[in-house]
Amino acid sequence: MSELFTRNRLIGLAFAAVIAGIDQLVKWWVIGPLALRQVGHIDLLPFFDLTYTENRGISHGMLQATDMETRWLLVAMTAVIALVVAVWMMREKAMGEILGLALILGGAVGNIRDRYDLGYVIDYADFHIGTFRPFLIFNIADAAITIGVVIILARSLFVRDKEETETGDASRGETDNA
C-alpha cells in the first residue's frame, strides 16, 4: 500500500484537490459577491473581462446537455475520464507527469462538481484582443486541464527519463569508454 501512495503521488493528489478547491472558490466568488450571474459582464482590463456563461456542453459547445439524460451522461463520461486520469497518475513516478495529470484531474473534478450540482459548468474568464477572442469563455478548471495536457504532451515529446536513457544505452552495449 505504501508503494501506491508515494510522496510524489500524494503531492499530486493534494495538488489536484487544491486546483479543484480554487476553481470552486473562484466560481463562488464570481456568482456570489461579484453577482456576475446578474450583471452578466464586468470590464477588468483591455484584454480580459469577466463574462458569465453557463456551459451545458463539452469542449466548444459540443454534446449539449439539453435534458436530464444528457446531463447525467456527461457527468458519467467526465467522471470515467477523471477516474482514468487518477489511475494513470497513481501509476506514474515522475513528478512532471504527476503534476500534469494532477492539473487535469483537479480541473475535471471542478467542472464535474458544477455539472453535478447545477447541470452546467460556470465559465467566466473572457480573454480577448480587441474584438478578437482566441478562446471561448473559460474557467480555472478549463485552464488547468489545458495546461496539464500541454505538460503531458511536452514531456512525452521532449523529456526522456534518465533511467530509461541509461537502460536503453546499456541494452545496446554502448558505454562511455568509446
N, C-alpha and C. Protein backbone atom coordinates (compact mmCIF):
# COMPACT_ATOMS: atom_id res chain seq x y z
N MET A 1 0.82 -1.19 0.00
CA MET A 1 0.00 0.00 0.00
C MET A 1 0.87 1.25 0.00
N SER A 2 2.02 1.20 0.71
CA SER A 2 2.88 2.37 0.76
C SER A 2 3.51 2.65 -0.60
N GLU A 3 3.66 1.61 -1.46
CA GLU A 3 4.18 1.84 -2.81
C GLU A 3 3.19 2.62 -3.66
N LEU A 4 1.89 2.45 -3.41
CA LEU A 4 0.88 3.18 -4.16
C LEU A 4 0.88 4.66 -3.80
N PHE A 5 0.97 4.96 -2.51
CA PHE A 5 0.91 6.34 -2.05
C PHE A 5 2.32 6.87 -1.76
N THR A 6 3.09 7.03 -2.82
CA THR A 6 4.42 7.61 -2.67
C THR A 6 4.30 9.10 -2.41
N ARG A 7 5.39 9.70 -2.03
CA ARG A 7 5.41 11.15 -1.75
C ARG A 7 4.93 11.94 -2.97
N ASN A 8 5.46 11.62 -4.15
CA ASN A 8 5.08 12.35 -5.36
C ASN A 8 3.59 12.20 -5.67
N ARG A 9 3.06 11.01 -5.49
CA ARG A 9 1.64 10.78 -5.78
C ARG A 9 0.75 11.50 -4.78
N LEU A 10 1.15 11.52 -3.51
CA LEU A 10 0.38 12.26 -2.51
C LEU A 10 0.40 13.75 -2.82
N ILE A 11 1.56 14.25 -3.25
CA ILE A 11 1.64 15.66 -3.66
C ILE A 11 0.70 15.90 -4.83
N GLY A 12 0.67 14.96 -5.79
CA GLY A 12 -0.22 15.08 -6.94
C GLY A 12 -1.68 15.11 -6.53
N LEU A 13 -2.08 14.22 -5.63
CA LEU A 13 -3.46 14.21 -5.15
C LEU A 13 -3.81 15.50 -4.43
N ALA A 14 -2.89 15.99 -3.60
CA ALA A 14 -3.13 17.25 -2.89
C ALA A 14 -3.23 18.41 -3.87
N PHE A 15 -2.35 18.43 -4.87
CA PHE A 15 -2.38 19.49 -5.88
C PHE A 15 -3.69 19.47 -6.65
N ALA A 16 -4.18 18.28 -7.02
CA ALA A 16 -5.47 18.16 -7.71
C ALA A 16 -6.60 18.71 -6.83
N ALA A 17 -6.56 18.39 -5.54
CA ALA A 17 -7.58 18.89 -4.62
C ALA A 17 -7.52 20.41 -4.50
N VAL A 18 -6.31 20.96 -4.46
CA VAL A 18 -6.16 22.43 -4.39
C VAL A 18 -6.71 23.08 -5.65
N ILE A 19 -6.40 22.52 -6.81
CA ILE A 19 -6.90 23.08 -8.07
C ILE A 19 -8.43 23.07 -8.08
N ALA A 20 -9.03 21.93 -7.72
CA ALA A 20 -10.49 21.83 -7.67
C ALA A 20 -11.07 22.82 -6.66
N GLY A 21 -10.41 22.96 -5.52
CA GLY A 21 -10.88 23.90 -4.50
C GLY A 21 -10.80 25.35 -4.95
N ILE A 22 -9.69 25.72 -5.57
CA ILE A 22 -9.54 27.09 -6.07
C ILE A 22 -10.59 27.37 -7.15
N ASP A 23 -10.80 26.40 -8.04
CA ASP A 23 -11.80 26.55 -9.09
C ASP A 23 -13.18 26.81 -8.48
N GLN A 24 -13.57 26.03 -7.50
CA GLN A 24 -14.88 26.20 -6.87
C GLN A 24 -14.97 27.52 -6.09
N LEU A 25 -13.88 27.90 -5.43
CA LEU A 25 -13.87 29.17 -4.69
C LEU A 25 -14.05 30.36 -5.63
N VAL A 26 -13.34 30.36 -6.74
CA VAL A 26 -13.46 31.47 -7.69
C VAL A 26 -14.86 31.49 -8.32
N LYS A 27 -15.40 30.33 -8.63
CA LYS A 27 -16.77 30.29 -9.18
C LYS A 27 -17.77 30.83 -8.17
N TRP A 28 -17.60 30.47 -6.91
CA TRP A 28 -18.48 31.01 -5.87
C TRP A 28 -18.34 32.53 -5.81
N TRP A 29 -17.11 33.03 -5.89
CA TRP A 29 -16.85 34.46 -5.81
C TRP A 29 -17.50 35.22 -6.97
N VAL A 30 -17.39 34.68 -8.20
CA VAL A 30 -17.94 35.42 -9.33
C VAL A 30 -19.47 35.39 -9.36
N ILE A 31 -20.09 34.31 -8.86
CA ILE A 31 -21.56 34.32 -8.86
C ILE A 31 -22.14 34.84 -7.55
N GLY A 32 -21.33 34.84 -6.48
CA GLY A 32 -21.80 35.33 -5.19
C GLY A 32 -21.50 36.82 -5.03
N PRO A 33 -20.39 37.15 -4.39
CA PRO A 33 -20.07 38.56 -4.12
C PRO A 33 -20.01 39.45 -5.37
N LEU A 34 -19.50 38.96 -6.48
CA LEU A 34 -19.44 39.78 -7.69
C LEU A 34 -20.77 39.83 -8.44
N ALA A 35 -21.68 38.92 -8.13
CA ALA A 35 -23.00 38.85 -8.76
C ALA A 35 -22.92 38.85 -10.29
N LEU A 36 -21.94 38.11 -10.82
CA LEU A 36 -21.74 38.08 -12.27
C LEU A 36 -22.94 37.49 -13.00
N ARG A 37 -23.63 36.56 -12.37
CA ARG A 37 -24.83 35.98 -12.99
C ARG A 37 -25.86 37.08 -13.28
N GLN A 38 -25.99 38.04 -12.36
CA GLN A 38 -26.96 39.11 -12.54
C GLN A 38 -26.47 40.22 -13.48
N VAL A 39 -25.19 40.63 -13.33
CA VAL A 39 -24.68 41.73 -14.16
C VAL A 39 -24.23 41.27 -15.53
N GLY A 40 -23.87 40.00 -15.66
CA GLY A 40 -23.51 39.44 -16.95
C GLY A 40 -22.09 39.68 -17.42
N HIS A 41 -21.57 40.89 -17.19
CA HIS A 41 -20.25 41.24 -17.74
C HIS A 41 -19.60 42.31 -16.87
N ILE A 42 -18.30 42.12 -16.58
CA ILE A 42 -17.53 43.12 -15.84
C ILE A 42 -16.23 43.37 -16.61
N ASP A 43 -16.02 44.63 -17.03
CA ASP A 43 -14.76 45.01 -17.69
C ASP A 43 -13.66 45.09 -16.64
N LEU A 44 -12.54 44.40 -16.89
CA LEU A 44 -11.42 44.44 -15.96
C LEU A 44 -10.20 45.09 -16.57
N LEU A 45 -9.73 44.54 -17.67
CA LEU A 45 -8.51 45.00 -18.34
C LEU A 45 -8.81 45.15 -19.83
N PRO A 46 -7.96 45.84 -20.57
CA PRO A 46 -8.22 45.97 -22.01
C PRO A 46 -8.27 44.62 -22.75
N PHE A 47 -7.72 43.57 -22.13
CA PHE A 47 -7.67 42.27 -22.80
C PHE A 47 -8.35 41.15 -22.00
N PHE A 48 -8.96 41.48 -20.86
CA PHE A 48 -9.56 40.43 -20.02
C PHE A 48 -10.76 40.98 -19.28
N ASP A 49 -11.88 40.28 -19.41
CA ASP A 49 -13.12 40.65 -18.73
C ASP A 49 -13.68 39.42 -18.02
N LEU A 50 -14.66 39.65 -17.18
CA LEU A 50 -15.44 38.57 -16.60
C LEU A 50 -16.80 38.59 -17.29
N THR A 51 -17.17 37.47 -17.89
CA THR A 51 -18.44 37.34 -18.60
C THR A 51 -19.09 36.03 -18.18
N TYR A 52 -20.28 36.11 -17.62
CA TYR A 52 -20.97 34.92 -17.12
C TYR A 52 -21.51 34.09 -18.27
N THR A 53 -21.20 32.79 -18.24
CA THR A 53 -21.71 31.86 -19.24
C THR A 53 -22.01 30.52 -18.57
N GLU A 54 -23.10 29.92 -18.94
CA GLU A 54 -23.44 28.57 -18.49
C GLU A 54 -23.13 27.62 -19.63
N ASN A 55 -22.12 26.79 -19.46
CA ASN A 55 -21.69 25.86 -20.49
C ASN A 55 -22.37 24.52 -20.24
N ARG A 56 -23.34 24.20 -21.07
CA ARG A 56 -24.11 22.96 -20.91
C ARG A 56 -23.55 21.83 -21.77
N GLY A 57 -22.47 22.11 -22.49
CA GLY A 57 -21.87 21.08 -23.34
C GLY A 57 -20.46 20.79 -22.89
N ILE A 58 -19.71 20.19 -23.81
CA ILE A 58 -18.29 19.97 -23.53
C ILE A 58 -17.51 20.90 -24.45
N SER A 59 -16.28 20.63 -24.67
CA SER A 59 -15.39 21.49 -25.43
C SER A 59 -16.06 22.06 -26.69
N HIS A 60 -15.96 23.36 -26.83
CA HIS A 60 -16.52 24.10 -27.97
C HIS A 60 -18.02 23.90 -28.11
N GLY A 61 -18.70 23.67 -27.02
CA GLY A 61 -20.15 23.57 -27.03
C GLY A 61 -20.70 22.28 -27.63
N MET A 62 -19.85 21.29 -27.85
CA MET A 62 -20.34 20.02 -28.40
C MET A 62 -21.11 19.26 -27.32
N LEU A 63 -21.95 18.35 -27.77
CA LEU A 63 -22.73 17.47 -26.90
C LEU A 63 -23.46 18.26 -25.80
N GLN A 64 -24.37 19.12 -26.21
CA GLN A 64 -25.13 19.95 -25.29
C GLN A 64 -26.06 19.12 -24.43
N ALA A 65 -26.06 19.38 -23.13
CA ALA A 65 -26.94 18.69 -22.19
C ALA A 65 -28.26 19.45 -22.11
N THR A 66 -29.14 19.14 -23.05
CA THR A 66 -30.43 19.85 -23.10
C THR A 66 -31.51 19.16 -22.28
N ASP A 67 -31.22 17.96 -21.79
CA ASP A 67 -32.19 17.25 -20.95
C ASP A 67 -31.44 16.53 -19.83
N MET A 68 -32.19 15.98 -18.90
CA MET A 68 -31.58 15.32 -17.73
C MET A 68 -30.73 14.11 -18.12
N GLU A 69 -31.16 13.36 -19.12
CA GLU A 69 -30.41 12.18 -19.53
C GLU A 69 -29.03 12.57 -20.04
N THR A 70 -28.97 13.61 -20.87
CA THR A 70 -27.69 14.06 -21.41
C THR A 70 -26.82 14.65 -20.30
N ARG A 71 -27.44 15.36 -19.38
CA ARG A 71 -26.68 15.92 -18.24
C ARG A 71 -25.97 14.81 -17.49
N TRP A 72 -26.71 13.77 -17.13
CA TRP A 72 -26.11 12.69 -16.35
C TRP A 72 -25.15 11.85 -17.17
N LEU A 73 -25.39 11.78 -18.49
CA LEU A 73 -24.44 11.11 -19.37
C LEU A 73 -23.10 11.86 -19.37
N LEU A 74 -23.15 13.19 -19.42
CA LEU A 74 -21.92 13.99 -19.36
C LEU A 74 -21.23 13.86 -18.01
N VAL A 75 -22.00 13.85 -16.93
CA VAL A 75 -21.41 13.64 -15.60
C VAL A 75 -20.71 12.29 -15.57
N ALA A 76 -21.36 11.25 -16.06
CA ALA A 76 -20.77 9.90 -16.04
C ALA A 76 -19.54 9.82 -16.92
N MET A 77 -19.62 10.38 -18.14
CA MET A 77 -18.47 10.34 -19.05
C MET A 77 -17.27 11.07 -18.46
N THR A 78 -17.49 12.26 -17.93
CA THR A 78 -16.36 13.02 -17.38
C THR A 78 -15.84 12.38 -16.10
N ALA A 79 -16.71 11.73 -15.34
CA ALA A 79 -16.25 11.04 -14.14
C ALA A 79 -15.38 9.85 -14.51
N VAL A 80 -15.74 9.12 -15.56
CA VAL A 80 -14.92 7.99 -16.01
C VAL A 80 -13.56 8.50 -16.49
N ILE A 81 -13.56 9.59 -17.24
CA ILE A 81 -12.29 10.17 -17.70
C ILE A 81 -11.44 10.60 -16.51
N ALA A 82 -12.05 11.23 -15.51
CA ALA A 82 -11.32 11.64 -14.32
C ALA A 82 -10.76 10.43 -13.58
N LEU A 83 -11.52 9.35 -13.52
CA LEU A 83 -11.04 8.13 -12.87
C LEU A 83 -9.84 7.55 -13.62
N VAL A 84 -9.90 7.55 -14.94
CA VAL A 84 -8.78 7.06 -15.75
C VAL A 84 -7.54 7.92 -15.49
N VAL A 85 -7.72 9.24 -15.43
CA VAL A 85 -6.59 10.14 -15.16
C VAL A 85 -6.04 9.87 -13.76
N ALA A 86 -6.91 9.65 -12.78
CA ALA A 86 -6.45 9.37 -11.41
C ALA A 86 -5.65 8.07 -11.36
N VAL A 87 -6.13 7.04 -12.03
CA VAL A 87 -5.39 5.76 -12.06
C VAL A 87 -4.05 5.96 -12.75
N TRP A 88 -4.05 6.67 -13.86
CA TRP A 88 -2.81 6.95 -14.58
C TRP A 88 -1.83 7.68 -13.67
N MET A 89 -2.33 8.70 -12.96
CA MET A 89 -1.47 9.46 -12.05
C MET A 89 -0.89 8.57 -10.96
N MET A 90 -1.68 7.64 -10.44
CA MET A 90 -1.22 6.78 -9.36
C MET A 90 -0.24 5.71 -9.86
N ARG A 91 -0.10 5.58 -11.16
CA ARG A 91 0.88 4.64 -11.73
C ARG A 91 2.19 5.33 -12.09
N GLU A 92 2.15 6.66 -12.20
CA GLU A 92 3.34 7.42 -12.58
C GLU A 92 4.29 7.58 -11.40
N LYS A 93 5.56 7.78 -11.72
CA LYS A 93 6.56 8.03 -10.69
C LYS A 93 7.18 9.41 -10.82
N ALA A 94 7.33 9.89 -12.04
CA ALA A 94 7.99 11.18 -12.28
C ALA A 94 7.07 12.33 -11.90
N MET A 95 7.62 13.28 -11.18
CA MET A 95 6.83 14.42 -10.69
C MET A 95 6.24 15.24 -11.84
N GLY A 96 6.95 15.36 -12.95
CA GLY A 96 6.43 16.13 -14.09
C GLY A 96 5.11 15.58 -14.60
N GLU A 97 5.05 14.28 -14.82
CA GLU A 97 3.81 13.65 -15.28
C GLU A 97 2.73 13.74 -14.21
N ILE A 98 3.12 13.52 -12.97
CA ILE A 98 2.15 13.56 -11.87
C ILE A 98 1.52 14.95 -11.76
N LEU A 99 2.32 16.01 -11.86
CA LEU A 99 1.75 17.35 -11.76
C LEU A 99 0.86 17.68 -12.96
N GLY A 100 1.26 17.26 -14.16
CA GLY A 100 0.41 17.46 -15.33
C GLY A 100 -0.92 16.75 -15.18
N LEU A 101 -0.87 15.51 -14.73
CA LEU A 101 -2.10 14.74 -14.52
C LEU A 101 -2.93 15.31 -13.36
N ALA A 102 -2.26 15.84 -12.34
CA ALA A 102 -2.98 16.46 -11.22
C ALA A 102 -3.75 17.69 -11.69
N LEU A 103 -3.16 18.48 -12.59
CA LEU A 103 -3.87 19.64 -13.15
C LEU A 103 -5.13 19.18 -13.90
N ILE A 104 -4.98 18.13 -14.70
CA ILE A 104 -6.12 17.61 -15.45
C ILE A 104 -7.19 17.08 -14.48
N LEU A 105 -6.76 16.32 -13.48
CA LEU A 105 -7.70 15.74 -12.52
C LEU A 105 -8.41 16.83 -11.71
N GLY A 106 -7.66 17.79 -11.20
CA GLY A 106 -8.28 18.87 -10.42
C GLY A 106 -9.27 19.67 -11.24
N GLY A 107 -8.91 19.97 -12.48
CA GLY A 107 -9.84 20.69 -13.36
C GLY A 107 -11.08 19.88 -13.66
N ALA A 108 -10.89 18.60 -13.92
CA ALA A 108 -12.04 17.73 -14.21
C ALA A 108 -12.98 17.67 -13.01
N VAL A 109 -12.43 17.52 -11.82
CA VAL A 109 -13.27 17.45 -10.61
C VAL A 109 -14.03 18.76 -10.41
N GLY A 110 -13.38 19.89 -10.63
CA GLY A 110 -14.06 21.19 -10.50
C GLY A 110 -15.24 21.31 -11.45
N ASN A 111 -15.05 20.92 -12.70
CA ASN A 111 -16.14 21.01 -13.67
C ASN A 111 -17.21 19.95 -13.45
N ILE A 112 -16.81 18.75 -13.00
CA ILE A 112 -17.80 17.71 -12.69
C ILE A 112 -18.71 18.17 -11.56
N ARG A 113 -18.12 18.82 -10.57
CA ARG A 113 -18.94 19.31 -9.44
C ARG A 113 -20.00 20.28 -9.92
N ASP A 114 -19.62 21.21 -10.82
CA ASP A 114 -20.61 22.15 -11.38
C ASP A 114 -21.72 21.39 -12.11
N ARG A 115 -21.31 20.50 -13.00
CA ARG A 115 -22.29 19.79 -13.82
C ARG A 115 -23.21 18.93 -12.94
N TYR A 116 -22.66 18.32 -11.89
CA TYR A 116 -23.46 17.51 -10.98
C TYR A 116 -24.45 18.38 -10.20
N ASP A 117 -23.95 19.49 -9.63
CA ASP A 117 -24.79 20.35 -8.79
C ASP A 117 -25.77 21.21 -9.59
N LEU A 118 -25.31 21.74 -10.74
CA LEU A 118 -26.08 22.75 -11.46
C LEU A 118 -26.64 22.29 -12.80
N GLY A 119 -26.02 21.28 -13.39
CA GLY A 119 -26.42 20.85 -14.72
C GLY A 119 -25.63 21.55 -15.81
N TYR A 120 -24.72 22.42 -15.45
CA TYR A 120 -23.87 23.14 -16.40
C TYR A 120 -22.60 23.55 -15.68
N VAL A 121 -21.60 23.96 -16.48
CA VAL A 121 -20.34 24.44 -15.93
C VAL A 121 -20.34 25.96 -16.02
N ILE A 122 -19.96 26.61 -14.94
CA ILE A 122 -19.87 28.08 -14.92
C ILE A 122 -18.55 28.50 -15.54
N ASP A 123 -18.64 29.29 -16.60
CA ASP A 123 -17.46 29.89 -17.25
C ASP A 123 -17.54 31.39 -17.08
N TYR A 124 -16.39 32.04 -16.98
CA TYR A 124 -16.39 33.48 -16.70
C TYR A 124 -15.17 34.22 -17.26
N ALA A 125 -14.08 33.56 -17.52
CA ALA A 125 -12.84 34.22 -17.94
C ALA A 125 -12.91 34.50 -19.43
N ASP A 126 -12.85 35.77 -19.79
CA ASP A 126 -13.04 36.21 -21.18
C ASP A 126 -11.79 36.95 -21.64
N PHE A 127 -10.86 36.22 -22.25
CA PHE A 127 -9.62 36.80 -22.78
C PHE A 127 -9.87 37.26 -24.21
N HIS A 128 -9.44 38.48 -24.52
CA HIS A 128 -9.66 39.00 -25.87
C HIS A 128 -8.60 40.02 -26.25
N ILE A 129 -8.43 40.18 -27.54
CA ILE A 129 -7.55 41.21 -28.09
C ILE A 129 -8.45 42.06 -28.97
N GLY A 130 -8.90 43.19 -28.42
CA GLY A 130 -9.92 43.98 -29.12
C GLY A 130 -11.21 43.17 -29.17
N THR A 131 -11.71 42.96 -30.38
CA THR A 131 -12.92 42.14 -30.53
C THR A 131 -12.59 40.70 -30.85
N PHE A 132 -11.31 40.41 -31.07
CA PHE A 132 -10.87 39.04 -31.37
C PHE A 132 -10.74 38.24 -30.08
N ARG A 133 -11.40 37.09 -30.05
CA ARG A 133 -11.35 36.21 -28.89
C ARG A 133 -10.73 34.89 -29.31
N PRO A 134 -9.44 34.68 -28.95
CA PRO A 134 -8.77 33.45 -29.36
C PRO A 134 -9.27 32.20 -28.63
N PHE A 135 -9.99 32.40 -27.52
CA PHE A 135 -10.52 31.28 -26.74
C PHE A 135 -11.98 31.53 -26.45
N LEU A 136 -12.71 30.45 -26.23
CA LEU A 136 -14.05 30.58 -25.69
C LEU A 136 -13.93 31.05 -24.25
N ILE A 137 -15.01 31.55 -23.69
CA ILE A 137 -15.01 31.92 -22.27
C ILE A 137 -14.75 30.65 -21.47
N PHE A 138 -13.86 30.74 -20.47
CA PHE A 138 -13.41 29.55 -19.75
C PHE A 138 -13.37 29.82 -18.26
N ASN A 139 -12.87 28.84 -17.50
CA ASN A 139 -12.73 28.98 -16.05
C ASN A 139 -11.38 28.40 -15.63
N ILE A 140 -11.08 28.44 -14.35
CA ILE A 140 -9.79 27.93 -13.86
C ILE A 140 -9.66 26.43 -14.14
N ALA A 141 -10.73 25.68 -13.99
CA ALA A 141 -10.67 24.23 -14.26
C ALA A 141 -10.28 23.97 -15.71
N ASP A 142 -10.88 24.72 -16.64
CA ASP A 142 -10.54 24.56 -18.06
C ASP A 142 -9.07 24.88 -18.31
N ALA A 143 -8.59 25.96 -17.70
CA ALA A 143 -7.19 26.35 -17.86
C ALA A 143 -6.26 25.27 -17.29
N ALA A 144 -6.61 24.72 -16.13
CA ALA A 144 -5.79 23.67 -15.51
C ALA A 144 -5.73 22.44 -16.41
N ILE A 145 -6.88 22.04 -16.96
CA ILE A 145 -6.91 20.88 -17.85
C ILE A 145 -6.01 21.13 -19.07
N THR A 146 -6.13 22.30 -19.67
CA THR A 146 -5.33 22.63 -20.85
C THR A 146 -3.85 22.64 -20.53
N ILE A 147 -3.46 23.28 -19.44
CA ILE A 147 -2.05 23.32 -19.06
C ILE A 147 -1.53 21.92 -18.75
N GLY A 148 -2.34 21.11 -18.07
CA GLY A 148 -1.95 19.74 -17.78
C GLY A 148 -1.72 18.92 -19.04
N VAL A 149 -2.61 19.06 -20.02
CA VAL A 149 -2.44 18.34 -21.29
C VAL A 149 -1.17 18.79 -22.00
N VAL A 150 -0.91 20.10 -21.99
CA VAL A 150 0.32 20.61 -22.63
C VAL A 150 1.56 20.05 -21.94
N ILE A 151 1.55 19.98 -20.61
CA ILE A 151 2.69 19.42 -19.87
C ILE A 151 2.90 17.95 -20.25
N ILE A 152 1.82 17.17 -20.26
CA ILE A 152 1.94 15.74 -20.59
C ILE A 152 2.46 15.57 -22.02
N LEU A 153 1.91 16.34 -22.96
CA LEU A 153 2.37 16.24 -24.34
C LEU A 153 3.83 16.67 -24.48
N ALA A 154 4.20 17.79 -23.87
CA ALA A 154 5.58 18.27 -23.96
C ALA A 154 6.55 17.28 -23.36
N ARG A 155 6.20 16.73 -22.21
CA ARG A 155 7.10 15.76 -21.58
C ARG A 155 7.20 14.48 -22.42
N SER A 156 6.11 14.06 -23.03
CA SER A 156 6.17 12.84 -23.84
C SER A 156 6.99 13.07 -25.11
N LEU A 157 7.01 14.29 -25.61
CA LEU A 157 7.76 14.58 -26.83
C LEU A 157 9.22 14.95 -26.57
N PHE A 158 9.50 15.65 -25.49
CA PHE A 158 10.82 16.25 -25.31
C PHE A 158 11.64 15.76 -24.12
N VAL A 159 11.03 15.06 -23.18
CA VAL A 159 11.74 14.68 -21.96
C VAL A 159 11.91 13.17 -21.93
N ARG A 160 13.14 12.76 -21.74
CA ARG A 160 13.44 11.33 -21.55
C ARG A 160 13.90 11.18 -20.11
N ASP A 161 13.30 10.23 -19.43
CA ASP A 161 13.75 9.98 -18.06
C ASP A 161 15.16 9.42 -18.09
N LYS A 162 15.99 9.87 -17.17
CA LYS A 162 17.39 9.44 -17.10
C LYS A 162 17.49 7.92 -17.00
N GLU A 163 16.60 7.34 -16.22
CA GLU A 163 16.59 5.90 -16.01
C GLU A 163 16.38 5.15 -17.33
N GLU A 164 15.43 5.62 -18.16
CA GLU A 164 15.16 4.98 -19.45
C GLU A 164 16.34 5.13 -20.39
N THR A 165 16.96 6.31 -20.42
CA THR A 165 18.09 6.55 -21.31
C THR A 165 19.26 5.64 -20.94
N GLU A 166 19.56 5.54 -19.66
CA GLU A 166 20.66 4.68 -19.22
C GLU A 166 20.37 3.23 -19.53
N THR A 167 19.15 2.78 -19.32
CA THR A 167 18.78 1.40 -19.60
C THR A 167 18.89 1.12 -21.09
N GLY A 168 18.40 2.06 -21.90
CA GLY A 168 18.46 1.91 -23.35
C GLY A 168 19.89 1.85 -23.85
N ASP A 169 20.78 2.70 -23.32
CA ASP A 169 22.19 2.71 -23.73
C ASP A 169 22.86 1.41 -23.36
N ALA A 170 22.59 0.90 -22.17
CA ALA A 170 23.23 -0.33 -21.70
C ALA A 170 22.76 -1.52 -22.51
N SER A 171 21.49 -1.53 -22.90
CA SER A 171 20.97 -2.67 -23.64
C SER A 171 21.53 -2.71 -25.06
N ARG A 172 21.98 -1.58 -25.61
CA ARG A 172 22.59 -1.56 -26.93
C ARG A 172 24.11 -1.78 -26.86
N GLY A 173 24.62 -1.95 -25.65
CA GLY A 173 26.04 -2.20 -25.48
C GLY A 173 26.89 -0.96 -25.57
N GLU A 174 26.25 0.21 -25.44
CA GLU A 174 27.00 1.47 -25.52
C GLU A 174 27.62 1.78 -24.17
N THR A 175 28.83 2.28 -24.19
CA THR A 175 29.49 2.67 -22.95
C THR A 175 30.18 4.00 -23.17
N ASP A 176 30.64 4.59 -22.09
CA ASP A 176 31.34 5.87 -22.16
C ASP A 176 32.81 5.67 -22.49
N ASN A 177 33.30 4.43 -22.65
CA ASN A 177 34.70 4.17 -22.90
C ASN A 177 35.10 4.31 -24.36
N ALA A 178 34.20 4.71 -25.23
CA ALA A 178 34.49 4.75 -26.65
C ALA A 178 35.53 5.72 -27.03
